[in-house]
Amino acid sequence: MKQRMVAIALAGICLGPAGSLWAAEQVELTTRVSGVVETVMVKPGQHVKKGAVLLRLDKTVLQAQLDEAAAEQALAQADEEDARRELERAKELFDRTVSSTSELEASTLRHARAKATLSRANARRVIAQKNLRDADLRAPFNGVVSSVPGGPGTVVTADCQPKPLVILSSQP
């Protein structure tokens, strides 16, 4: 299987140095996430509207990552609730002078760690959701597809200098 970057290019208005506006002849587009191109919805010469899906990556791995993040979030939520109940019990026992300061501090620390783990799990789920949405490459503005260098089966790698998947030009 070939490994290369795929992008879609569109033409439109760009912001240049010192805030000057200029019309781009072509804009090269690519996905923000890595994957394998599943479907290309456009052909060269085709007019597209802003927001139109131009290309879609296979979402199997991205959906699995979202499912995994959701499971981690549920586990972290349960752990946080358990730690919160344990902390409440420890505070009550401490207030009745039945437990020591060290037991209260241990419960407080466990709850703080559980809250941090839940926060991290929530963030991972948000990232996984965004990655899944980014598997669809959408037109950022109205334009004409100039070329489609990538096709189904093309491996897309998200890196600092991605290669184009679709090239879109401004409408005449």
N, C-alpha and C. Protein backbone atom coordinates (compact mmCIF):
# COMPACT_ATOMS: atom_id res chain seq x y z
N MET A 1 0.84 -1.17 0.00
CA MET A 1 0.00 0.00 0.00
C MET A 1 0.89 1.24 0.00
N LYS A 2 0.56 2.18 -0.86
CA LYS A 2 1.32 3.43 -0.92
C LYS A 2 1.07 4.27 0.32
N GLN A 3 2.11 4.89 0.83
CA GLN A 3 1.95 5.80 1.96
C GLN A 3 2.35 7.18 1.49
N ARG A 4 1.37 8.07 1.48
CA ARG A 4 1.63 9.45 1.10
C ARG A 4 0.53 10.32 1.66
N MET A 5 0.71 11.59 1.55
CA MET A 5 -0.28 12.53 2.02
C MET A 5 -1.26 12.80 0.90
N VAL A 6 -2.50 13.03 1.28
CA VAL A 6 -3.53 13.37 0.31
C VAL A 6 -4.14 14.68 0.77
N ALA A 7 -4.42 15.57 -0.14
CA ALA A 7 -5.04 16.84 0.24
C ALA A 7 -5.99 17.30 -0.84
N ILE A 8 -6.86 18.18 -0.47
CA ILE A 8 -7.80 18.79 -1.41
C ILE A 8 -7.46 20.27 -1.41
N ALA A 9 -7.43 20.88 -2.55
CA ALA A 9 -7.09 22.31 -2.61
C ALA A 9 -8.28 23.09 -3.12
N LEU A 10 -8.50 24.23 -2.51
CA LEU A 10 -9.56 25.15 -2.87
C LEU A 10 -8.94 26.52 -3.09
N ALA A 11 -9.62 27.35 -3.84
CA ALA A 11 -9.13 28.73 -4.00
C ALA A 11 -10.05 29.65 -3.23
N GLY A 12 -9.51 30.71 -2.73
CA GLY A 12 -10.33 31.65 -1.97
C GLY A 12 -9.54 32.85 -1.52
N ILE A 13 -10.05 33.52 -0.49
CA ILE A 13 -9.41 34.71 0.04
C ILE A 13 -8.49 34.31 1.19
N CYS A 14 -7.29 34.84 1.19
CA CYS A 14 -6.32 34.53 2.24
C CYS A 14 -5.83 35.82 2.88
N LEU A 15 -5.39 35.72 4.11
CA LEU A 15 -4.83 36.86 4.82
C LEU A 15 -3.32 36.82 4.64
N GLY A 16 -2.78 37.89 4.09
CA GLY A 16 -1.35 37.94 3.82
C GLY A 16 -0.60 38.72 4.87
N PRO A 17 0.68 38.98 4.64
CA PRO A 17 1.50 39.74 5.58
C PRO A 17 0.90 41.13 5.83
N ALA A 18 1.06 41.62 7.02
CA ALA A 18 0.60 42.95 7.42
C ALA A 18 -0.91 43.09 7.25
N GLY A 19 -1.64 41.97 7.29
CA GLY A 19 -3.09 42.02 7.24
C GLY A 19 -3.68 42.25 5.86
N SER A 20 -2.87 42.18 4.80
CA SER A 20 -3.41 42.39 3.46
C SER A 20 -4.17 41.16 2.99
N LEU A 21 -5.26 41.40 2.26
CA LEU A 21 -6.05 40.30 1.72
C LEU A 21 -5.64 40.04 0.29
N TRP A 22 -5.67 38.78 -0.09
CA TRP A 22 -5.37 38.43 -1.46
C TRP A 22 -6.16 37.18 -1.82
N ALA A 23 -6.44 37.01 -3.08
CA ALA A 23 -7.21 35.86 -3.54
C ALA A 23 -6.24 34.73 -3.87
N ALA A 24 -6.44 33.63 -3.23
CA ALA A 24 -5.58 32.48 -3.50
C ALA A 24 -6.02 31.82 -4.79
N GLU A 25 -5.06 31.43 -5.59
CA GLU A 25 -5.38 30.68 -6.81
C GLU A 25 -5.85 29.28 -6.41
N GLN A 26 -5.11 28.69 -5.49
CA GLN A 26 -5.44 27.34 -5.04
C GLN A 26 -5.09 27.19 -3.57
N VAL A 27 -5.84 26.36 -2.90
CA VAL A 27 -5.57 26.03 -1.51
C VAL A 27 -5.54 24.52 -1.41
N GLU A 28 -4.47 24.00 -0.84
CA GLU A 28 -4.35 22.55 -0.67
C GLU A 28 -4.91 22.16 0.68
N LEU A 29 -5.76 21.16 0.68
CA LEU A 29 -6.40 20.72 1.91
C LEU A 29 -5.99 19.30 2.24
N THR A 30 -5.92 19.01 3.53
CA THR A 30 -5.65 17.66 3.99
C THR A 30 -6.36 17.45 5.32
N THR A 31 -6.44 16.23 5.74
CA THR A 31 -7.10 15.94 7.01
C THR A 31 -6.16 16.24 8.17
N ARG A 32 -6.73 16.52 9.33
CA ARG A 32 -5.96 16.80 10.53
C ARG A 32 -5.51 15.51 11.20
N VAL A 33 -6.17 14.41 10.86
CA VAL A 33 -5.86 13.13 11.49
C VAL A 33 -5.31 12.15 10.45
N SER A 34 -4.58 11.17 10.94
CA SER A 34 -4.04 10.12 10.06
C SER A 34 -5.11 9.06 9.83
N GLY A 35 -4.98 8.35 8.73
CA GLY A 35 -5.91 7.27 8.44
C GLY A 35 -5.77 6.82 7.00
N VAL A 36 -6.76 6.05 6.55
CA VAL A 36 -6.80 5.55 5.19
C VAL A 36 -8.02 6.14 4.51
N VAL A 37 -7.83 6.70 3.31
CA VAL A 37 -8.94 7.28 2.57
C VAL A 37 -9.94 6.18 2.24
N GLU A 38 -11.18 6.40 2.67
CA GLU A 38 -12.25 5.44 2.39
C GLU A 38 -13.01 5.85 1.14
N THR A 39 -13.37 7.14 1.07
CA THR A 39 -14.19 7.62 -0.04
C THR A 39 -13.77 9.03 -0.43
N VAL A 40 -13.71 9.27 -1.73
CA VAL A 40 -13.51 10.63 -2.25
C VAL A 40 -14.84 11.02 -2.88
N MET A 41 -15.43 12.10 -2.40
CA MET A 41 -16.75 12.52 -2.85
C MET A 41 -16.74 13.52 -3.99
N VAL A 42 -15.56 13.98 -4.39
CA VAL A 42 -15.48 15.01 -5.42
C VAL A 42 -14.59 14.57 -6.57
N LYS A 43 -14.76 15.29 -7.69
CA LYS A 43 -13.93 15.05 -8.88
C LYS A 43 -13.37 16.39 -9.33
N PRO A 44 -12.24 16.38 -10.02
CA PRO A 44 -11.71 17.63 -10.55
C PRO A 44 -12.75 18.35 -11.42
N GLY A 45 -12.83 19.67 -11.23
CA GLY A 45 -13.78 20.47 -11.98
C GLY A 45 -15.12 20.64 -11.29
N GLN A 46 -15.35 19.88 -10.24
CA GLN A 46 -16.63 19.93 -9.54
C GLN A 46 -16.72 21.18 -8.66
N HIS A 47 -17.87 21.87 -8.71
CA HIS A 47 -18.12 23.01 -7.84
C HIS A 47 -18.60 22.48 -6.49
N VAL A 48 -18.06 23.06 -5.42
CA VAL A 48 -18.46 22.63 -4.08
C VAL A 48 -18.84 23.85 -3.24
N LYS A 49 -19.74 23.63 -2.31
CA LYS A 49 -20.17 24.67 -1.38
C LYS A 49 -19.40 24.53 -0.09
N LYS A 50 -19.28 25.63 0.64
CA LYS A 50 -18.63 25.61 1.95
C LYS A 50 -19.30 24.55 2.83
N GLY A 51 -18.48 23.73 3.48
CA GLY A 51 -18.98 22.69 4.38
C GLY A 51 -19.23 21.35 3.72
N ALA A 52 -19.15 21.28 2.40
CA ALA A 52 -19.38 20.02 1.71
C ALA A 52 -18.26 19.04 2.05
N VAL A 53 -18.63 17.76 2.25
CA VAL A 53 -17.62 16.74 2.51
C VAL A 53 -16.92 16.42 1.20
N LEU A 54 -15.61 16.57 1.19
CA LEU A 54 -14.81 16.34 0.00
C LEU A 54 -14.22 14.93 0.00
N LEU A 55 -13.88 14.47 1.19
CA LEU A 55 -13.17 13.21 1.32
C LEU A 55 -13.43 12.66 2.71
N ARG A 56 -13.48 11.34 2.83
CA ARG A 56 -13.74 10.72 4.14
C ARG A 56 -12.70 9.62 4.37
N LEU A 57 -12.12 9.66 5.58
CA LEU A 57 -11.20 8.59 5.99
C LEU A 57 -12.00 7.45 6.61
N ASP A 58 -11.42 6.27 6.62
CA ASP A 58 -12.03 5.13 7.32
C ASP A 58 -12.07 5.49 8.80
N LYS A 59 -13.25 5.35 9.41
CA LYS A 59 -13.45 5.79 10.79
C LYS A 59 -13.34 4.65 11.80
N THR A 60 -13.02 3.46 11.38
CA THR A 60 -13.01 2.31 12.28
C THR A 60 -12.10 2.53 13.49
N VAL A 61 -10.86 2.89 13.26
CA VAL A 61 -9.90 3.09 14.35
C VAL A 61 -10.29 4.30 15.19
N LEU A 62 -10.72 5.37 14.54
CA LEU A 62 -11.10 6.58 15.27
C LEU A 62 -12.33 6.33 16.16
N GLN A 63 -13.29 5.53 15.66
CA GLN A 63 -14.46 5.20 16.46
C GLN A 63 -14.05 4.32 17.64
N ALA A 64 -13.13 3.39 17.41
CA ALA A 64 -12.64 2.53 18.51
C ALA A 64 -11.94 3.38 19.57
N GLN A 65 -11.18 4.39 19.14
CA GLN A 65 -10.51 5.27 20.09
C GLN A 65 -11.53 6.07 20.90
N LEU A 66 -12.61 6.49 20.27
CA LEU A 66 -13.67 7.19 20.98
C LEU A 66 -14.36 6.26 21.98
N ASP A 67 -14.63 5.03 21.57
CA ASP A 67 -15.26 4.05 22.47
C ASP A 67 -14.36 3.78 23.67
N GLU A 68 -13.07 3.65 23.41
CA GLU A 68 -12.10 3.42 24.49
C GLU A 68 -12.06 4.61 25.45
N ALA A 69 -12.08 5.82 24.90
CA ALA A 69 -12.06 7.03 25.73
C ALA A 69 -13.34 7.13 26.56
N ALA A 70 -14.47 6.74 25.98
CA ALA A 70 -15.73 6.77 26.72
C ALA A 70 -15.71 5.76 27.87
N ALA A 71 -15.14 4.59 27.64
CA ALA A 71 -15.03 3.59 28.70
C ALA A 71 -14.11 4.07 29.81
N GLU A 72 -12.98 4.67 29.44
CA GLU A 72 -12.06 5.22 30.45
C GLU A 72 -12.74 6.33 31.25
N GLN A 73 -13.57 7.13 30.57
CA GLN A 73 -14.28 8.21 31.25
C GLN A 73 -15.29 7.64 32.26
N ALA A 74 -16.02 6.59 31.86
CA ALA A 74 -16.99 5.97 32.77
C ALA A 74 -16.29 5.38 33.99
N LEU A 75 -15.16 4.72 33.78
CA LEU A 75 -14.39 4.14 34.88
C LEU A 75 -13.88 5.25 35.81
N ALA A 76 -13.36 6.32 35.23
CA ALA A 76 -12.85 7.43 36.04
C ALA A 76 -13.97 8.10 36.81
N GLN A 77 -15.15 8.20 36.21
CA GLN A 77 -16.30 8.79 36.89
C GLN A 77 -16.69 7.95 38.10
N ALA A 78 -16.72 6.63 37.92
CA ALA A 78 -17.06 5.73 39.03
C ALA A 78 -16.01 5.82 40.14
N ASP A 79 -14.74 5.87 39.78
CA ASP A 79 -13.67 5.98 40.76
C ASP A 79 -13.77 7.30 41.53
N GLU A 80 -14.10 8.38 40.82
CA GLU A 80 -14.22 9.69 41.47
C GLU A 80 -15.39 9.70 42.46
N GLU A 81 -16.51 9.11 42.06
CA GLU A 81 -17.67 9.05 42.95
C GLU A 81 -17.36 8.21 44.20
N ASP A 82 -16.65 7.10 44.00
CA ASP A 82 -16.25 6.25 45.13
C ASP A 82 -15.31 7.00 46.07
N ALA A 83 -14.34 7.72 45.48
CA ALA A 83 -13.38 8.48 46.29
C ALA A 83 -14.08 9.62 47.03
N ARG A 84 -15.06 10.24 46.40
CA ARG A 84 -15.82 11.31 47.05
C ARG A 84 -16.60 10.77 48.25
N ARG A 85 -17.26 9.62 48.09
CA ARG A 85 -17.99 9.00 49.21
C ARG A 85 -17.03 8.62 50.34
N GLU A 86 -15.88 8.08 49.97
CA GLU A 86 -14.88 7.70 50.97
C GLU A 86 -14.39 8.93 51.73
N LEU A 87 -14.19 10.04 51.02
CA LEU A 87 -13.76 11.28 51.66
C LEU A 87 -14.83 11.79 52.62
N GLU A 88 -16.07 11.74 52.21
CA GLU A 88 -17.17 12.18 53.10
C GLU A 88 -17.21 11.34 54.37
N ARG A 89 -17.03 10.02 54.23
CA ARG A 89 -17.00 9.13 55.40
C ARG A 89 -15.81 9.46 56.30
N ALA A 90 -14.65 9.70 55.67
CA ALA A 90 -13.45 10.01 56.44
C ALA A 90 -13.62 11.33 57.20
N LYS A 91 -14.25 12.32 56.57
CA LYS A 91 -14.50 13.60 57.25
C LYS A 91 -15.43 13.41 58.44
N GLU A 92 -16.48 12.62 58.23
CA GLU A 92 -17.43 12.36 59.31
C GLU A 92 -16.76 11.65 60.48
N LEU A 93 -15.96 10.63 60.18
CA LEU A 93 -15.25 9.90 61.23
C LEU A 93 -14.23 10.80 61.94
N PHE A 94 -13.56 11.64 61.17
CA PHE A 94 -12.59 12.56 61.76
C PHE A 94 -13.29 13.55 62.68
N ASP A 95 -14.43 14.09 62.23
CA ASP A 95 -15.18 15.05 63.05
C ASP A 95 -15.67 14.43 64.35
N ARG A 96 -15.92 13.12 64.32
CA ARG A 96 -16.36 12.42 65.54
C ARG A 96 -15.16 11.87 66.32
N THR A 97 -13.97 12.26 65.91
CA THR A 97 -12.70 11.83 66.52
C THR A 97 -12.55 10.31 66.57
N VAL A 98 -13.07 9.64 65.53
CA VAL A 98 -12.94 8.19 65.43
C VAL A 98 -11.75 7.81 64.55
N SER A 99 -11.34 8.71 63.64
CA SER A 99 -10.20 8.42 62.78
C SER A 99 -9.14 9.51 62.91
N SER A 100 -7.98 9.20 62.36
CA SER A 100 -6.84 10.11 62.50
C SER A 100 -6.77 11.11 61.35
N THR A 101 -5.91 12.09 61.53
CA THR A 101 -5.66 13.09 60.49
C THR A 101 -5.06 12.43 59.25
N SER A 102 -4.19 11.47 59.45
CA SER A 102 -3.55 10.80 58.30
C SER A 102 -4.58 10.04 57.46
N GLU A 103 -5.60 9.46 58.07
CA GLU A 103 -6.65 8.78 57.30
C GLU A 103 -7.47 9.78 56.48
N LEU A 104 -7.75 10.93 57.07
CA LEU A 104 -8.46 11.99 56.35
C LEU A 104 -7.61 12.52 55.20
N GLU A 105 -6.34 12.73 55.45
CA GLU A 105 -5.45 13.21 54.39
C GLU A 105 -5.33 12.20 53.26
N ALA A 106 -5.28 10.91 53.58
CA ALA A 106 -5.20 9.86 52.55
C ALA A 106 -6.46 9.87 51.69
N SER A 107 -7.62 10.03 52.32
CA SER A 107 -8.88 10.09 51.57
C SER A 107 -8.94 11.34 50.70
N THR A 108 -8.45 12.44 51.23
CA THR A 108 -8.43 13.69 50.47
C THR A 108 -7.53 13.56 49.25
N LEU A 109 -6.38 12.96 49.43
CA LEU A 109 -5.44 12.75 48.32
C LEU A 109 -6.03 11.81 47.27
N ARG A 110 -6.65 10.73 47.71
CA ARG A 110 -7.25 9.78 46.76
C ARG A 110 -8.33 10.48 45.95
N HIS A 111 -9.15 11.30 46.59
CA HIS A 111 -10.20 12.02 45.87
C HIS A 111 -9.60 13.00 44.86
N ALA A 112 -8.55 13.71 45.26
CA ALA A 112 -7.90 14.65 44.34
C ALA A 112 -7.34 13.91 43.12
N ARG A 113 -6.72 12.76 43.35
CA ARG A 113 -6.19 11.96 42.23
C ARG A 113 -7.32 11.47 41.33
N ALA A 114 -8.42 11.05 41.92
CA ALA A 114 -9.56 10.56 41.13
C ALA A 114 -10.15 11.68 40.29
N LYS A 115 -10.22 12.89 40.86
CA LYS A 115 -10.72 14.04 40.09
C LYS A 115 -9.80 14.36 38.93
N ALA A 116 -8.50 14.28 39.16
CA ALA A 116 -7.54 14.55 38.08
C ALA A 116 -7.64 13.49 36.98
N THR A 117 -7.80 12.24 37.37
CA THR A 117 -7.94 11.17 36.39
C THR A 117 -9.22 11.35 35.58
N LEU A 118 -10.29 11.77 36.23
CA LEU A 118 -11.54 12.03 35.52
C LEU A 118 -11.37 13.19 34.56
N SER A 119 -10.70 14.23 34.97
CA SER A 119 -10.46 15.37 34.09
C SER A 119 -9.67 14.96 32.85
N ARG A 120 -8.64 14.14 33.04
CA ARG A 120 -7.84 13.64 31.92
C ARG A 120 -8.69 12.77 31.00
N ALA A 121 -9.54 11.92 31.57
CA ALA A 121 -10.41 11.05 30.77
C ALA A 121 -11.41 11.88 29.96
N ASN A 122 -11.94 12.94 30.57
CA ASN A 122 -12.86 13.83 29.85
C ASN A 122 -12.16 14.48 28.66
N ALA A 123 -10.93 14.93 28.87
CA ALA A 123 -10.17 15.57 27.79
C ALA A 123 -9.88 14.58 26.67
N ARG A 124 -9.52 13.36 27.02
CA ARG A 124 -9.24 12.35 26.00
C ARG A 124 -10.48 12.05 25.17
N ARG A 125 -11.64 12.05 25.81
CA ARG A 125 -12.88 11.79 25.07
C ARG A 125 -13.17 12.94 24.10
N VAL A 126 -12.95 14.17 24.54
CA VAL A 126 -13.17 15.33 23.66
C VAL A 126 -12.25 15.25 22.44
N ILE A 127 -10.99 14.90 22.68
CA ILE A 127 -10.02 14.76 21.58
C ILE A 127 -10.45 13.66 20.62
N ALA A 128 -10.89 12.53 21.16
CA ALA A 128 -11.32 11.41 20.31
C ALA A 128 -12.54 11.80 19.49
N GLN A 129 -13.47 12.55 20.08
CA GLN A 129 -14.65 13.01 19.33
C GLN A 129 -14.23 13.94 18.20
N LYS A 130 -13.31 14.85 18.49
CA LYS A 130 -12.82 15.79 17.47
C LYS A 130 -12.11 15.05 16.35
N ASN A 131 -11.28 14.08 16.71
CA ASN A 131 -10.57 13.30 15.69
C ASN A 131 -11.55 12.57 14.79
N LEU A 132 -12.61 12.02 15.36
CA LEU A 132 -13.61 11.32 14.56
C LEU A 132 -14.30 12.29 13.60
N ARG A 133 -14.65 13.47 14.07
CA ARG A 133 -15.26 14.48 13.19
C ARG A 133 -14.29 14.90 12.08
N ASP A 134 -13.00 14.97 12.41
CA ASP A 134 -12.00 15.42 11.44
C ASP A 134 -11.68 14.37 10.38
N ALA A 135 -12.28 13.21 10.47
CA ALA A 135 -12.09 12.19 9.43
C ALA A 135 -12.81 12.59 8.15
N ASP A 136 -13.71 13.55 8.24
CA ASP A 136 -14.38 14.11 7.07
C ASP A 136 -13.68 15.41 6.71
N LEU A 137 -13.12 15.47 5.52
CA LEU A 137 -12.48 16.69 5.04
C LEU A 137 -13.56 17.54 4.36
N ARG A 138 -13.79 18.73 4.88
CA ARG A 138 -14.86 19.60 4.38
C ARG A 138 -14.28 20.83 3.68
N ALA A 139 -15.05 21.35 2.72
CA ALA A 139 -14.64 22.56 2.00
C ALA A 139 -14.74 23.75 2.94
N PRO A 140 -13.67 24.52 3.08
CA PRO A 140 -13.71 25.69 3.98
C PRO A 140 -14.44 26.89 3.35
N PHE A 141 -14.68 26.84 2.05
CA PHE A 141 -15.39 27.90 1.35
C PHE A 141 -15.88 27.35 0.02
N ASN A 142 -16.74 28.09 -0.68
CA ASN A 142 -17.20 27.70 -2.01
C ASN A 142 -16.02 27.70 -2.96
N GLY A 143 -15.97 26.73 -3.86
CA GLY A 143 -14.86 26.68 -4.80
C GLY A 143 -15.04 25.60 -5.83
N VAL A 144 -13.99 25.38 -6.60
CA VAL A 144 -13.95 24.37 -7.63
C VAL A 144 -12.78 23.45 -7.34
N VAL A 145 -13.02 22.15 -7.38
CA VAL A 145 -11.95 21.18 -7.13
C VAL A 145 -11.00 21.21 -8.31
N SER A 146 -9.74 21.53 -8.06
CA SER A 146 -8.73 21.57 -9.12
C SER A 146 -8.19 20.18 -9.40
N SER A 147 -7.87 19.45 -8.34
CA SER A 147 -7.36 18.09 -8.51
C SER A 147 -7.57 17.31 -7.23
N VAL A 148 -7.51 16.01 -7.37
CA VAL A 148 -7.66 15.10 -6.23
C VAL A 148 -6.50 14.10 -6.31
N PRO A 149 -5.33 14.45 -5.73
CA PRO A 149 -4.17 13.56 -5.81
C PRO A 149 -4.35 12.23 -5.08
N GLY A 150 -5.24 12.17 -4.10
CA GLY A 150 -5.42 10.94 -3.33
C GLY A 150 -6.72 10.25 -3.68
N GLY A 151 -6.73 8.93 -3.52
CA GLY A 151 -7.94 8.17 -3.78
C GLY A 151 -8.16 7.15 -2.69
N PRO A 152 -9.23 6.37 -2.80
CA PRO A 152 -9.49 5.34 -1.80
C PRO A 152 -8.28 4.42 -1.61
N GLY A 153 -7.98 4.14 -0.34
CA GLY A 153 -6.84 3.28 -0.01
C GLY A 153 -5.56 4.05 0.26
N THR A 154 -5.54 5.33 -0.05
CA THR A 154 -4.34 6.14 0.20
C THR A 154 -4.16 6.31 1.70
N VAL A 155 -2.96 6.08 2.17
CA VAL A 155 -2.64 6.26 3.59
C VAL A 155 -2.31 7.72 3.82
N VAL A 156 -3.02 8.33 4.77
CA VAL A 156 -2.81 9.73 5.10
C VAL A 156 -2.09 9.80 6.44
N THR A 157 -1.00 10.52 6.47
CA THR A 157 -0.28 10.71 7.73
C THR A 157 -0.31 12.19 8.07
N ALA A 158 -0.82 12.50 9.25
CA ALA A 158 -0.86 13.88 9.70
C ALA A 158 0.53 14.23 10.23
N ASP A 159 1.17 15.21 9.61
CA ASP A 159 2.48 15.64 10.08
C ASP A 159 2.61 17.14 9.88
N CYS A 160 3.78 17.67 10.10
CA CYS A 160 3.98 19.12 10.02
C CYS A 160 3.83 19.67 8.62
N GLN A 161 4.18 18.89 7.61
CA GLN A 161 4.07 19.35 6.24
C GLN A 161 3.28 18.33 5.43
N PRO A 162 1.95 18.27 5.67
CA PRO A 162 1.14 17.28 4.98
C PRO A 162 1.07 17.55 3.49
N LYS A 163 0.94 16.50 2.72
CA LYS A 163 0.78 16.63 1.28
C LYS A 163 -0.71 16.77 0.99
N PRO A 164 -1.04 17.44 -0.10
CA PRO A 164 -2.44 17.71 -0.40
C PRO A 164 -3.22 16.46 -0.78
N LEU A 165 -4.52 16.45 -0.38
CA LEU A 165 -5.46 15.40 -0.75
C LEU A 165 -6.37 15.88 -1.86
N VAL A 166 -6.78 17.14 -1.77
CA VAL A 166 -7.65 17.76 -2.78
C VAL A 166 -7.17 19.19 -2.97
N ILE A 167 -7.20 19.66 -4.21
CA ILE A 167 -6.82 21.05 -4.51
C ILE A 167 -8.06 21.76 -5.02
N LEU A 168 -8.45 22.83 -4.35
CA LEU A 168 -9.66 23.57 -4.68
C LEU A 168 -9.29 24.96 -5.15
N SER A 169 -9.93 25.39 -6.23
CA SER A 169 -9.71 26.73 -6.78
C SER A 169 -10.93 27.58 -6.56
N SER A 170 -10.72 28.91 -6.60
CA SER A 170 -11.87 29.81 -6.47
C SER A 170 -12.74 29.67 -7.70
N GLN A 171 -14.01 29.97 -7.53
CA GLN A 171 -14.93 29.87 -8.66
C GLN A 171 -14.66 31.01 -9.61
N PRO A 172 -14.78 30.72 -10.92
CA PRO A 172 -14.52 31.79 -11.91
C PRO A 172 -15.56 32.87 -11.87
